[in-house]
């Protein structure tokens, strides 16, 4: 995982620099700077608009008693897209705009959800707690299977002497 992140943080700026140099050769220095500024402004406006729309949809789903899975996924995609758009560069701007356009965001959401589903079915989904990949006291948390109950009847039975309140029952 760290190797992929290192590659991403080394490769992305190199590609961005090469693209900016090529755009500079084609349209000139000041138009390239203007392009960077305009895409940042337009991108932040679009991110705000799409984010507020998704927020309204999320609230209406919650008020209706539904689970807002699509809205949560869209919110994450919009957040990442907004971060990409305020990063100077051509490649990050293209990827950012793809995350903000509703049609392409739907496609991205399907790809991401398919990836998550595949990882969960394979049992290779890992969640790490801590800063920069640090772990919790017992390593990586891998979740629990959907068919495993997260409670026992004894723990919630107030008459049981083995429940969590058994210390109070003896007193």
N, C-alpha and C. Protein backbone atom coordinates (compact mmCIF):
# COMPACT_ATOMS: atom_id res chain seq x y z
N UNK A 1 0.82 -1.20 0.00
CA UNK A 1 0.00 0.00 0.00
C UNK A 1 0.87 1.26 0.00
N UNK A 2 1.90 1.26 0.83
CA UNK A 2 2.77 2.43 0.89
C UNK A 2 3.51 2.60 -0.42
N UNK A 3 3.88 1.49 -1.05
CA UNK A 3 4.56 1.56 -2.34
C UNK A 3 3.68 2.20 -3.40
N UNK A 4 2.39 1.85 -3.40
CA UNK A 4 1.47 2.46 -4.37
C UNK A 4 1.28 3.94 -4.11
N UNK A 5 1.19 4.32 -2.83
CA UNK A 5 1.04 5.74 -2.51
C UNK A 5 2.29 6.52 -2.88
N UNK A 6 3.45 5.94 -2.62
CA UNK A 6 4.70 6.59 -2.99
C UNK A 6 4.79 6.78 -4.50
N UNK A 7 4.41 5.74 -5.24
CA UNK A 7 4.40 5.83 -6.70
C UNK A 7 3.42 6.91 -7.16
N UNK A 8 2.25 6.95 -6.53
CA UNK A 8 1.24 7.96 -6.88
C UNK A 8 1.76 9.36 -6.63
N UNK A 9 2.41 9.57 -5.47
CA UNK A 9 2.89 10.91 -5.13
C UNK A 9 4.13 11.31 -5.94
N UNK A 10 4.82 10.36 -6.51
CA UNK A 10 5.96 10.68 -7.38
C UNK A 10 5.55 10.80 -8.84
N UNK A 11 4.67 9.91 -9.26
CA UNK A 11 4.28 9.86 -10.66
C UNK A 11 3.32 11.00 -11.04
N UNK A 12 2.35 11.28 -10.18
CA UNK A 12 1.36 12.31 -10.51
C UNK A 12 1.99 13.68 -10.74
N UNK A 13 2.85 14.19 -9.85
CA UNK A 13 3.45 15.49 -10.14
C UNK A 13 4.31 15.50 -11.41
N UNK A 14 4.98 14.39 -11.69
CA UNK A 14 5.80 14.33 -12.90
C UNK A 14 4.92 14.41 -14.15
N UNK A 15 3.81 13.68 -14.15
CA UNK A 15 2.88 13.72 -15.29
C UNK A 15 2.27 15.12 -15.39
N UNK A 16 1.87 15.69 -14.27
CA UNK A 16 1.27 17.04 -14.28
C UNK A 16 2.26 18.07 -14.82
N UNK A 17 3.50 17.99 -14.40
CA UNK A 17 4.51 18.93 -14.88
C UNK A 17 4.71 18.79 -16.38
N UNK A 18 4.78 17.55 -16.86
CA UNK A 18 4.96 17.32 -18.29
C UNK A 18 3.76 17.87 -19.07
N UNK A 19 2.54 17.65 -18.56
CA UNK A 19 1.35 18.18 -19.24
C UNK A 19 1.32 19.71 -19.23
N UNK A 20 1.68 20.30 -18.11
CA UNK A 20 1.70 21.77 -18.04
C UNK A 20 2.75 22.35 -18.99
N UNK A 21 3.89 21.71 -19.13
CA UNK A 21 4.92 22.17 -20.06
C UNK A 21 4.40 22.09 -21.49
N UNK A 22 3.71 21.00 -21.83
CA UNK A 22 3.14 20.87 -23.18
C UNK A 22 2.06 21.91 -23.44
N UNK A 23 1.19 22.15 -22.47
CA UNK A 23 0.15 23.17 -22.64
C UNK A 23 0.79 24.54 -22.77
N UNK A 24 1.84 24.81 -22.00
CA UNK A 24 2.57 26.07 -22.10
C UNK A 24 3.15 26.26 -23.49
N UNK A 25 3.67 25.21 -24.09
CA UNK A 25 4.22 25.30 -25.44
C UNK A 25 3.13 25.61 -26.47
N UNK A 26 1.93 25.06 -26.24
CA UNK A 26 0.85 25.23 -27.22
C UNK A 26 0.16 26.59 -27.07
N UNK A 27 -0.21 26.97 -25.83
CA UNK A 27 -1.01 28.21 -25.68
C UNK A 27 -0.24 29.34 -25.03
N UNK A 28 0.93 29.09 -24.46
CA UNK A 28 1.72 30.16 -23.84
C UNK A 28 1.63 30.14 -22.33
N UNK A 29 2.51 30.95 -21.72
CA UNK A 29 2.63 30.95 -20.27
C UNK A 29 1.40 31.52 -19.56
N UNK A 30 1.00 32.74 -19.89
CA UNK A 30 -0.11 33.39 -19.19
C UNK A 30 -1.44 32.69 -19.43
N UNK A 31 -1.73 32.23 -20.63
CA UNK A 31 -2.96 31.45 -20.79
C UNK A 31 -2.96 30.15 -19.97
N UNK A 32 -1.78 29.54 -19.82
CA UNK A 32 -1.69 28.33 -18.99
C UNK A 32 -1.99 28.67 -17.53
N UNK A 33 -1.43 29.77 -17.03
CA UNK A 33 -1.71 30.21 -15.66
C UNK A 33 -3.19 30.53 -15.52
N UNK A 34 -3.76 31.20 -16.51
CA UNK A 34 -5.20 31.52 -16.50
C UNK A 34 -6.05 30.26 -16.48
N UNK A 35 -5.63 29.25 -17.26
CA UNK A 35 -6.36 27.98 -17.29
C UNK A 35 -6.37 27.32 -15.91
N UNK A 36 -5.23 27.37 -15.24
CA UNK A 36 -5.14 26.78 -13.90
C UNK A 36 -6.07 27.52 -12.93
N UNK A 37 -6.08 28.84 -13.00
CA UNK A 37 -6.91 29.64 -12.10
C UNK A 37 -8.40 29.44 -12.41
N UNK A 38 -8.76 29.46 -13.69
CA UNK A 38 -10.17 29.30 -14.08
C UNK A 38 -10.69 27.92 -13.69
N UNK A 39 -9.91 26.87 -13.92
CA UNK A 39 -10.39 25.54 -13.55
C UNK A 39 -10.53 25.41 -12.04
N UNK A 40 -9.69 26.07 -11.29
CA UNK A 40 -9.82 26.06 -9.83
C UNK A 40 -11.10 26.75 -9.37
N UNK A 41 -11.40 27.92 -9.98
CA UNK A 41 -12.60 28.68 -9.60
C UNK A 41 -13.86 27.94 -10.04
N UNK A 42 -13.90 27.51 -11.29
CA UNK A 42 -15.07 26.79 -11.80
C UNK A 42 -15.25 25.47 -11.04
N UNK A 43 -14.15 24.80 -10.79
CA UNK A 43 -14.23 23.53 -10.06
C UNK A 43 -14.74 23.70 -8.64
N UNK A 44 -14.29 24.74 -7.95
CA UNK A 44 -14.78 24.95 -6.58
C UNK A 44 -16.26 25.31 -6.59
N UNK A 45 -16.71 26.07 -7.58
CA UNK A 45 -18.13 26.39 -7.70
C UNK A 45 -18.95 25.12 -7.96
N UNK A 46 -18.49 24.30 -8.89
CA UNK A 46 -19.21 23.05 -9.19
C UNK A 46 -19.21 22.10 -8.00
N UNK A 47 -18.09 22.02 -7.30
CA UNK A 47 -18.02 21.13 -6.13
C UNK A 47 -19.00 21.61 -5.06
N UNK A 48 -19.08 22.90 -4.86
CA UNK A 48 -20.02 23.44 -3.87
C UNK A 48 -21.45 23.15 -4.27
N UNK A 49 -21.77 23.39 -5.54
CA UNK A 49 -23.14 23.17 -6.02
C UNK A 49 -23.54 21.71 -5.94
N UNK A 50 -22.67 20.82 -6.42
CA UNK A 50 -22.97 19.39 -6.39
C UNK A 50 -22.97 18.85 -4.97
N UNK A 51 -22.09 19.38 -4.14
CA UNK A 51 -22.05 18.95 -2.74
C UNK A 51 -23.32 19.33 -2.00
N UNK A 52 -23.81 20.56 -2.21
CA UNK A 52 -25.06 20.99 -1.57
C UNK A 52 -26.25 20.18 -2.08
N UNK A 53 -26.26 19.88 -3.36
CA UNK A 53 -27.34 19.07 -3.91
C UNK A 53 -27.33 17.67 -3.30
N UNK A 54 -26.16 17.09 -3.18
CA UNK A 54 -26.04 15.77 -2.57
C UNK A 54 -26.43 15.82 -1.10
N UNK A 55 -26.06 16.90 -0.40
CA UNK A 55 -26.42 17.07 1.00
C UNK A 55 -27.94 17.13 1.17
N UNK A 56 -28.61 17.87 0.28
CA UNK A 56 -30.08 17.93 0.33
C UNK A 56 -30.69 16.56 0.08
N UNK A 57 -30.17 15.84 -0.90
CA UNK A 57 -30.68 14.49 -1.19
C UNK A 57 -30.45 13.56 0.00
N UNK A 58 -29.29 13.67 0.62
CA UNK A 58 -28.99 12.84 1.78
C UNK A 58 -29.97 13.12 2.91
N UNK A 59 -30.23 14.39 3.19
CA UNK A 59 -31.17 14.74 4.26
C UNK A 59 -32.58 14.26 3.95
N UNK A 60 -33.01 14.38 2.71
CA UNK A 60 -34.37 13.93 2.38
C UNK A 60 -34.48 12.42 2.49
N UNK A 61 -33.42 11.69 2.12
CA UNK A 61 -33.43 10.22 2.28
C UNK A 61 -33.49 9.84 3.75
N UNK A 62 -32.72 10.55 4.59
CA UNK A 62 -32.73 10.27 6.02
C UNK A 62 -34.09 10.58 6.63
N UNK A 63 -34.70 11.70 6.24
CA UNK A 63 -36.01 12.06 6.77
C UNK A 63 -37.08 11.07 6.34
N UNK A 64 -36.90 10.45 5.18
CA UNK A 64 -37.85 9.44 4.71
C UNK A 64 -37.59 8.09 5.37
N UNK A 65 -36.53 7.98 6.14
CA UNK A 65 -36.21 6.73 6.81
C UNK A 65 -35.43 5.75 5.95
N UNK A 66 -34.89 6.21 4.83
CA UNK A 66 -34.11 5.36 3.93
C UNK A 66 -32.63 5.45 4.26
N UNK A 67 -31.88 4.46 3.82
CA UNK A 67 -30.43 4.49 3.96
C UNK A 67 -29.82 5.25 2.78
N UNK A 68 -29.00 6.25 3.03
CA UNK A 68 -28.46 7.11 1.96
C UNK A 68 -27.14 6.61 1.38
N UNK A 69 -27.07 5.37 0.94
CA UNK A 69 -25.81 4.82 0.43
C UNK A 69 -25.29 5.54 -0.80
N UNK A 70 -26.18 5.79 -1.75
CA UNK A 70 -25.77 6.48 -2.98
C UNK A 70 -25.29 7.88 -2.68
N UNK A 71 -26.00 8.57 -1.81
CA UNK A 71 -25.64 9.95 -1.48
C UNK A 71 -24.31 10.01 -0.74
N UNK A 72 -24.06 9.04 0.13
CA UNK A 72 -22.77 9.02 0.83
C UNK A 72 -21.61 8.77 -0.14
N UNK A 73 -21.81 7.83 -1.05
CA UNK A 73 -20.78 7.56 -2.06
C UNK A 73 -20.55 8.79 -2.93
N UNK A 74 -21.64 9.44 -3.34
CA UNK A 74 -21.51 10.66 -4.14
C UNK A 74 -20.78 11.75 -3.36
N UNK A 75 -21.07 11.87 -2.08
CA UNK A 75 -20.41 12.87 -1.26
C UNK A 75 -18.91 12.66 -1.21
N UNK A 76 -18.48 11.42 -1.07
CA UNK A 76 -17.05 11.12 -1.04
C UNK A 76 -16.42 11.43 -2.40
N UNK A 77 -17.09 11.05 -3.48
CA UNK A 77 -16.56 11.33 -4.82
C UNK A 77 -16.46 12.83 -5.05
N UNK A 78 -17.47 13.59 -4.64
CA UNK A 78 -17.44 15.06 -4.80
C UNK A 78 -16.32 15.67 -3.97
N UNK A 79 -16.12 15.16 -2.76
CA UNK A 79 -15.04 15.67 -1.91
C UNK A 79 -13.68 15.44 -2.55
N UNK A 80 -13.45 14.24 -3.06
CA UNK A 80 -12.18 13.94 -3.72
C UNK A 80 -12.03 14.76 -4.99
N UNK A 81 -13.12 14.90 -5.75
CA UNK A 81 -13.08 15.69 -6.99
C UNK A 81 -12.75 17.14 -6.69
N UNK A 82 -13.33 17.70 -5.64
CA UNK A 82 -13.03 19.08 -5.27
C UNK A 82 -11.57 19.25 -4.89
N UNK A 83 -11.03 18.28 -4.16
CA UNK A 83 -9.61 18.35 -3.79
C UNK A 83 -8.73 18.26 -5.03
N UNK A 84 -9.11 17.42 -5.99
CA UNK A 84 -8.33 17.32 -7.23
C UNK A 84 -8.38 18.62 -8.03
N UNK A 85 -9.53 19.30 -8.01
CA UNK A 85 -9.66 20.53 -8.80
C UNK A 85 -8.89 21.71 -8.22
N UNK A 86 -8.70 21.74 -6.92
CA UNK A 86 -7.92 22.85 -6.37
C UNK A 86 -6.42 22.57 -6.44
N UNK A 87 -6.06 21.36 -6.84
CA UNK A 87 -4.65 21.01 -7.07
C UNK A 87 -4.29 21.45 -8.48
N UNK A 88 -3.25 22.27 -8.64
CA UNK A 88 -2.91 22.73 -9.99
C UNK A 88 -2.45 21.57 -10.87
N UNK A 89 -3.00 21.51 -12.05
CA UNK A 89 -2.59 20.48 -13.00
C UNK A 89 -3.71 20.13 -13.96
N UNK A 90 -3.34 19.54 -15.06
CA UNK A 90 -4.29 19.19 -16.11
C UNK A 90 -4.96 17.85 -15.80
N UNK A 91 -4.17 16.85 -15.46
CA UNK A 91 -4.70 15.51 -15.18
C UNK A 91 -5.64 15.53 -13.97
N UNK A 92 -5.24 16.20 -12.90
CA UNK A 92 -6.09 16.26 -11.72
C UNK A 92 -7.37 17.05 -12.00
N UNK A 93 -7.29 18.06 -12.86
CA UNK A 93 -8.50 18.81 -13.23
C UNK A 93 -9.47 17.93 -14.01
N UNK A 94 -8.96 17.16 -14.95
CA UNK A 94 -9.82 16.28 -15.74
C UNK A 94 -10.50 15.26 -14.82
N UNK A 95 -9.72 14.63 -13.94
CA UNK A 95 -10.29 13.65 -13.01
C UNK A 95 -11.28 14.31 -12.06
N UNK A 96 -10.97 15.52 -11.61
CA UNK A 96 -11.88 16.25 -10.73
C UNK A 96 -13.20 16.57 -11.40
N UNK A 97 -13.15 17.05 -12.64
CA UNK A 97 -14.39 17.36 -13.35
C UNK A 97 -15.21 16.10 -13.61
N UNK A 98 -14.54 14.98 -13.87
CA UNK A 98 -15.27 13.72 -14.06
C UNK A 98 -16.06 13.35 -12.80
N UNK A 99 -15.52 13.67 -11.63
CA UNK A 99 -16.21 13.37 -10.38
C UNK A 99 -17.34 14.32 -10.08
N UNK A 100 -17.38 15.48 -10.74
CA UNK A 100 -18.43 16.47 -10.46
C UNK A 100 -19.59 16.41 -11.44
N UNK A 101 -19.38 15.87 -12.61
CA UNK A 101 -20.46 15.78 -13.59
C UNK A 101 -21.34 14.59 -13.18
N UNK A 102 -22.64 14.83 -12.98
CA UNK A 102 -23.51 13.75 -12.47
C UNK A 102 -23.46 12.46 -13.29
N UNK A 103 -23.42 12.54 -14.61
CA UNK A 103 -23.40 11.33 -15.44
C UNK A 103 -22.14 10.51 -15.20
N UNK A 104 -20.98 11.18 -15.21
CA UNK A 104 -19.73 10.46 -15.01
C UNK A 104 -19.55 10.06 -13.56
N UNK A 105 -20.10 10.84 -12.63
CA UNK A 105 -20.04 10.47 -11.21
C UNK A 105 -20.80 9.16 -10.97
N UNK A 106 -21.93 8.99 -11.65
CA UNK A 106 -22.69 7.74 -11.54
C UNK A 106 -21.84 6.57 -11.99
N UNK A 107 -21.14 6.73 -13.08
CA UNK A 107 -20.26 5.68 -13.59
C UNK A 107 -19.12 5.40 -12.60
N UNK A 108 -18.51 6.47 -12.07
CA UNK A 108 -17.44 6.31 -11.08
C UNK A 108 -17.95 5.61 -9.83
N UNK A 109 -19.15 5.98 -9.39
CA UNK A 109 -19.74 5.35 -8.20
C UNK A 109 -19.93 3.85 -8.43
N UNK A 110 -20.41 3.48 -9.62
CA UNK A 110 -20.58 2.05 -9.93
C UNK A 110 -19.24 1.32 -9.90
N UNK A 111 -18.20 1.94 -10.46
CA UNK A 111 -16.88 1.32 -10.44
C UNK A 111 -16.37 1.13 -9.02
N UNK A 112 -16.50 2.18 -8.20
CA UNK A 112 -16.02 2.12 -6.83
C UNK A 112 -16.80 1.08 -6.03
N UNK A 113 -18.12 1.05 -6.19
CA UNK A 113 -18.94 0.09 -5.45
C UNK A 113 -18.64 -1.34 -5.90
N UNK A 114 -18.39 -1.54 -7.18
CA UNK A 114 -18.02 -2.86 -7.68
C UNK A 114 -16.68 -3.30 -7.08
N UNK A 115 -15.75 -2.37 -6.98
CA UNK A 115 -14.45 -2.67 -6.39
C UNK A 115 -14.61 -3.05 -4.91
N UNK A 116 -15.40 -2.25 -4.16
CA UNK A 116 -15.65 -2.57 -2.75
C UNK A 116 -16.32 -3.93 -2.59
N UNK A 117 -17.31 -4.20 -3.41
CA UNK A 117 -18.04 -5.47 -3.33
C UNK A 117 -17.09 -6.65 -3.59
N UNK A 118 -16.24 -6.52 -4.61
CA UNK A 118 -15.30 -7.58 -4.93
C UNK A 118 -14.31 -7.80 -3.78
N UNK A 119 -13.81 -6.71 -3.20
CA UNK A 119 -12.88 -6.83 -2.07
C UNK A 119 -13.56 -7.49 -0.87
N UNK A 120 -14.80 -7.15 -0.61
CA UNK A 120 -15.51 -7.74 0.52
C UNK A 120 -15.80 -9.21 0.28
N UNK A 121 -16.16 -9.58 -0.94
CA UNK A 121 -16.43 -10.98 -1.25
C UNK A 121 -15.17 -11.83 -1.18
N UNK A 122 -14.05 -11.26 -1.56
CA UNK A 122 -12.77 -11.97 -1.49
C UNK A 122 -12.24 -12.02 -0.06
N UNK A 123 -12.79 -11.16 0.79
CA UNK A 123 -12.29 -11.11 2.17
C UNK A 123 -10.98 -10.38 2.29
N UNK A 124 -10.67 -9.52 1.32
CA UNK A 124 -9.39 -8.79 1.34
C UNK A 124 -9.56 -7.33 1.72
N UNK A 125 -10.75 -6.93 2.13
CA UNK A 125 -10.98 -5.54 2.55
C UNK A 125 -10.36 -5.36 3.93
N UNK A 126 -9.49 -4.38 4.06
CA UNK A 126 -8.85 -4.11 5.34
C UNK A 126 -9.05 -2.66 5.69
N UNK A 127 -9.28 -2.40 6.95
CA UNK A 127 -9.39 -1.04 7.46
C UNK A 127 -8.28 -0.87 8.47
N UNK A 128 -7.49 0.18 8.31
CA UNK A 128 -6.40 0.42 9.24
C UNK A 128 -6.73 1.63 10.08
N UNK A 129 -6.48 1.53 11.35
CA UNK A 129 -6.68 2.65 12.25
C UNK A 129 -5.33 3.26 12.56
N UNK A 130 -5.28 4.54 12.75
CA UNK A 130 -4.03 5.21 13.07
C UNK A 130 -3.66 6.19 11.99
N UNK A 131 -2.58 6.86 12.21
CA UNK A 131 -2.13 7.89 11.27
C UNK A 131 -1.12 7.27 10.32
N UNK A 132 -1.29 7.53 9.04
CA UNK A 132 -0.39 7.09 7.99
C UNK A 132 -0.17 5.58 8.02
N UNK A 133 -1.27 4.84 8.11
CA UNK A 133 -1.18 3.40 8.04
C UNK A 133 -0.81 2.72 9.34
N UNK A 134 -0.77 3.47 10.44
CA UNK A 134 -0.51 2.85 11.73
C UNK A 134 -1.64 1.90 12.06
N UNK A 135 -1.42 1.03 12.99
CA UNK A 135 -2.44 0.04 13.28
C UNK A 135 -2.94 0.17 14.70
N UNK A 136 -4.07 -0.47 14.96
CA UNK A 136 -4.60 -0.52 16.30
C UNK A 136 -3.78 -1.52 17.10
N UNK A 137 -4.18 -1.76 18.34
CA UNK A 137 -3.38 -2.62 19.20
C UNK A 137 -3.30 -4.05 18.69
N UNK A 138 -4.28 -4.52 17.94
CA UNK A 138 -4.25 -5.90 17.47
C UNK A 138 -4.02 -6.01 15.96
N UNK A 139 -3.49 -5.01 15.33
CA UNK A 139 -3.22 -5.08 13.89
C UNK A 139 -4.36 -4.52 13.07
N UNK A 140 -4.64 -5.15 11.95
CA UNK A 140 -5.67 -4.67 11.04
C UNK A 140 -7.03 -5.21 11.44
N UNK A 141 -8.01 -4.35 11.41
CA UNK A 141 -9.38 -4.76 11.65
C UNK A 141 -9.95 -5.23 10.33
N UNK A 142 -10.53 -6.42 10.30
CA UNK A 142 -11.03 -6.97 9.06
C UNK A 142 -12.53 -7.10 9.03
N UNK A 143 -13.21 -6.58 10.02
CA UNK A 143 -14.66 -6.62 10.02
C UNK A 143 -15.18 -7.96 10.48
N UNK A 144 -16.47 -8.17 10.27
CA UNK A 144 -17.09 -9.43 10.64
C UNK A 144 -18.00 -9.86 9.52
N UNK A 145 -18.26 -11.13 9.42
CA UNK A 145 -19.16 -11.64 8.41
C UNK A 145 -20.59 -11.18 8.67
N UNK A 146 -21.38 -11.08 7.64
CA UNK A 146 -22.74 -10.60 7.80
C UNK A 146 -23.61 -11.61 8.55
N UNK A 147 -23.24 -12.88 8.56
CA UNK A 147 -24.06 -13.87 9.22
C UNK A 147 -23.65 -14.09 10.67
N UNK A 148 -22.69 -13.34 11.19
CA UNK A 148 -22.25 -13.47 12.57
C UNK A 148 -22.97 -12.41 13.38
N UNK A 149 -23.73 -12.82 14.41
CA UNK A 149 -24.42 -11.81 15.22
C UNK A 149 -23.41 -10.99 16.01
N UNK A 150 -23.74 -9.73 16.24
CA UNK A 150 -22.83 -8.87 16.99
C UNK A 150 -23.22 -8.77 18.46
N UNK A 151 -24.10 -9.65 18.92
CA UNK A 151 -24.49 -9.67 20.32
C UNK A 151 -24.92 -11.09 20.69
N UNK A 152 -25.05 -11.32 21.97
CA UNK A 152 -25.60 -12.58 22.44
C UNK A 152 -26.83 -12.28 23.26
N UNK A 153 -27.72 -13.22 23.35
CA UNK A 153 -28.95 -13.01 24.12
C UNK A 153 -28.66 -12.84 25.60
N UNK A 154 -27.60 -13.52 26.11
CA UNK A 154 -27.28 -13.42 27.53
C UNK A 154 -26.83 -12.02 27.90
N UNK A 155 -26.16 -11.34 26.99
CA UNK A 155 -25.66 -10.00 27.30
C UNK A 155 -26.79 -9.01 27.47
N UNK A 156 -27.93 -9.25 26.86
CA UNK A 156 -29.04 -8.31 26.93
C UNK A 156 -30.16 -8.77 27.84
N UNK A 157 -30.03 -9.97 28.46
CA UNK A 157 -31.06 -10.51 29.33
C UNK A 157 -30.81 -9.99 30.74
N UNK A 158 -31.68 -9.13 31.29
CA UNK A 158 -31.43 -8.57 32.62
C UNK A 158 -31.50 -9.61 33.72
N UNK A 159 -32.19 -10.74 33.50
CA UNK A 159 -32.30 -11.78 34.52
C UNK A 159 -31.10 -12.71 34.53
N UNK A 160 -30.23 -12.62 33.52
CA UNK A 160 -29.09 -13.52 33.42
C UNK A 160 -27.99 -13.08 34.36
N UNK A 161 -27.35 -14.04 35.02
CA UNK A 161 -26.26 -13.70 35.93
C UNK A 161 -24.92 -13.58 35.20
N UNK A 162 -24.92 -13.90 33.89
CA UNK A 162 -23.66 -13.82 33.12
C UNK A 162 -23.59 -12.58 32.26
N UNK A 163 -24.58 -11.74 32.32
CA UNK A 163 -24.62 -10.54 31.49
C UNK A 163 -23.68 -9.48 32.02
N UNK A 164 -23.64 -8.34 31.34
CA UNK A 164 -22.73 -7.27 31.73
C UNK A 164 -23.10 -6.65 33.06
N UNK A 165 -24.36 -6.81 33.52
CA UNK A 165 -24.76 -6.21 34.78
C UNK A 165 -24.70 -7.21 35.92
N UNK A 166 -24.02 -8.36 35.75
CA UNK A 166 -23.98 -9.39 36.78
C UNK A 166 -23.24 -8.91 38.02
N UNK A 167 -22.32 -7.96 37.89
CA UNK A 167 -21.60 -7.45 39.06
C UNK A 167 -22.55 -6.67 39.97
N UNK A 168 -23.53 -5.98 39.36
CA UNK A 168 -24.50 -5.23 40.14
C UNK A 168 -25.51 -6.17 40.82
N UNK A 169 -25.78 -7.31 40.20
CA UNK A 169 -26.76 -8.24 40.74
C UNK A 169 -26.24 -8.87 42.03
N UNK A 170 -24.92 -9.08 42.13
CA UNK A 170 -24.34 -9.71 43.31
C UNK A 170 -24.26 -8.75 44.49
N UNK A 171 -24.29 -7.47 44.24
CA UNK A 171 -24.14 -6.48 45.31
C UNK A 171 -25.39 -6.26 46.11
